[in-house]
Amino acid sequence: MIDSISTRSDYTSSFMDNKWCSIEEVMAKFHSIDEVVFMNELYCFATEYFMVRSRREMWATLETKKRKFQ
């Protein structure tokens, strides 16, 4: 039960997102990376990975597109 609650708290609606960390904003930045290819393995991974708010927040703190892509 605790795992279920803690997992649910990581999934969020947009009103709980920090500035620049909504799914739409993070995916827009992700799409702006030249190496990203629509529907390849990395793209599919990212769509699942960025569903968790804390992951979007951490990714958004990375300074450069190169670091974000790595």
C-alpha atoms as a PDB file:
ATOM      1  CA  MET A   1       0.000   0.000   0.000  1.00  0.00           C
ATOM      2  CA  ILE A   2       2.836   2.432   0.860  1.00  0.00           C
ATOM      3  CA  ASP A   3       4.526   1.686  -2.470  1.00  0.00           C
ATOM      4  CA  SER A   4       1.280   2.376  -4.276  1.00  0.00           C
ATOM      5  CA  ILE A   5       0.804   5.727  -2.548  1.00  0.00           C
ATOM      6  CA  SER A   6       4.398   6.864  -3.023  1.00  0.00           C
ATOM      7  CA  THR A   7       4.324   5.858  -6.677  1.00  0.00           C
ATOM      8  CA  ARG A   8       1.067   7.715  -7.227  1.00  0.00           C
ATOM      9  CA  SER A   9       2.542  10.865  -5.711  1.00  0.00           C
ATOM     10  CA  ASP A  10       5.242  10.870  -8.405  1.00  0.00           C
ATOM     11  CA  TYR A  11       2.620  10.868 -11.155  1.00  0.00           C
ATOM     12  CA  THR A  12       0.993  14.230 -11.333  1.00  0.00           C
ATOM     13  CA  SER A  13      -1.409  16.509 -13.018  1.00  0.00           C
ATOM     14  CA  SER A  14       0.021  19.663 -14.542  1.00  0.00           C
ATOM     15  CA  PHE A  15      -1.002  21.956 -11.680  1.00  0.00           C
ATOM     16  CA  MET A  16       1.544  20.250  -9.388  1.00  0.00           C
ATOM     17  CA  ASP A  17       4.501  20.549 -11.780  1.00  0.00           C
ATOM     18  CA  ASN A  18       7.318  22.969 -11.087  1.00  0.00           C
ATOM     19  CA  LYS A  19       7.898  25.681 -13.676  1.00  0.00           C
ATOM     20  CA  TRP A  20       9.423  24.235 -16.872  1.00  0.00           C
ATOM     21  CA  CYS A  21       8.738  20.658 -15.769  1.00  0.00           C
ATOM     22  CA  SER A  22       5.346  19.827 -17.220  1.00  0.00           C
ATOM     23  CA  ILE A  23       5.183  16.902 -19.607  1.00  0.00           C
ATOM     24  CA  GLU A  24       4.527  19.278 -22.493  1.00  0.00           C
ATOM     25  CA  GLU A  25       7.498  21.521 -21.663  1.00  0.00           C
ATOM     26  CA  VAL A  26       9.937  18.662 -21.063  1.00  0.00           C
ATOM     27  CA  MET A  27       8.895  16.840 -24.228  1.00  0.00           C
ATOM     28  CA  ALA A  28       9.234  20.056 -26.255  1.00  0.00           C
ATOM     29  CA  LYS A  29      12.810  20.421 -25.007  1.00  0.00           C
ATOM     30  CA  PHE A  30      13.422  16.723 -25.670  1.00  0.00           C
ATOM     31  CA  HIS A  31      12.155  17.115 -29.255  1.00  0.00           C
ATOM     32  CA  SER A  32      14.513  20.064 -29.760  1.00  0.00           C
ATOM     33  CA  ILE A  33      17.542  17.768 -29.435  1.00  0.00           C
ATOM     34  CA  ASP A  34      18.762  16.971 -32.966  1.00  0.00           C
ATOM     35  CA  GLU A  35      19.717  13.381 -32.133  1.00  0.00           C
ATOM     36  CA  VAL A  36      16.205  12.468 -31.000  1.00  0.00           C
ATOM     37  CA  VAL A  37      14.428  10.337 -33.596  1.00  0.00           C
ATOM     38  CA  PHE A  38      10.652  10.030 -33.355  1.00  0.00           C
ATOM     39  CA  MET A  39       9.558   6.548 -32.197  1.00  0.00           C
ATOM     40  CA  ASN A  40      13.044   5.068 -31.871  1.00  0.00           C
ATOM     41  CA  GLU A  41      14.003   3.160 -28.700  1.00  0.00           C
ATOM     42  CA  LEU A  42      15.207   6.288 -26.861  1.00  0.00           C
ATOM     43  CA  TYR A  43      12.047   8.202 -27.767  1.00  0.00           C
ATOM     44  CA  CYS A  44       9.789   5.419 -26.520  1.00  0.00           C
ATOM     45  CA  PHE A  45      11.823   5.148 -23.312  1.00  0.00           C
ATOM     46  CA  ALA A  46      11.583   8.912 -22.718  1.00  0.00           C
ATOM     47  CA  THR A  47       7.801   8.947 -23.108  1.00  0.00           C
ATOM     48  CA  GLU A  48       7.534   6.468 -20.231  1.00  0.00           C
ATOM     49  CA  TYR A  49      10.408   7.928 -18.192  1.00  0.00           C
ATOM     50  CA  PHE A  50       9.053  11.480 -18.210  1.00  0.00           C
ATOM     51  CA  MET A  51       5.677  10.390 -16.850  1.00  0.00           C
ATOM     52  CA  VAL A  52       7.253  10.653 -13.381  1.00  0.00           C
ATOM     53  CA  ARG A  53       7.413  14.236 -12.133  1.00  0.00           C
ATOM     54  CA  SER A  54      10.678  13.863 -10.178  1.00  0.00           C
ATOM     55  CA  ARG A  55      12.415  12.553 -13.322  1.00  0.00           C
ATOM     56  CA  ARG A  56      11.191  15.524 -15.372  1.00  0.00           C
ATOM     57  CA  GLU A  57      12.378  17.902 -12.676  1.00  0.00           C
ATOM     58  CA  MET A  58      15.854  16.337 -12.554  1.00  0.00           C
ATOM     59  CA  TRP A  59      16.163  16.296 -16.353  1.00  0.00           C
ATOM     60  CA  ALA A  60      15.070  19.927 -16.551  1.00  0.00           C
ATOM     61  CA  THR A  61      17.910  20.955 -14.223  1.00  0.00           C
ATOM     62  CA  LEU A  62      20.587  19.707 -16.617  1.00  0.00           C
ATOM     63  CA  GLU A  63      22.245  22.728 -18.208  1.00  0.00           C
ATOM     64  CA  THR A  64      22.910  21.727 -21.812  1.00  0.00           C
ATOM     65  CA  LYS A  65      21.183  19.744 -24.538  1.00  0.00           C
ATOM     66  CA  LYS A  66      24.276  17.524 -24.724  1.00  0.00           C
ATOM     67  CA  ARG A  67      23.921  16.570 -21.047  1.00  0.00           C
ATOM     68  CA  LYS A  68      20.191  16.090 -21.423  1.00  0.00           C
ATOM     69  CA  PHE A  69      20.770  13.731 -24.368  1.00  0.00           C
ATOM     70  CA  GLN A  70      23.414  11.722 -22.515  1.00  0.00           C
END
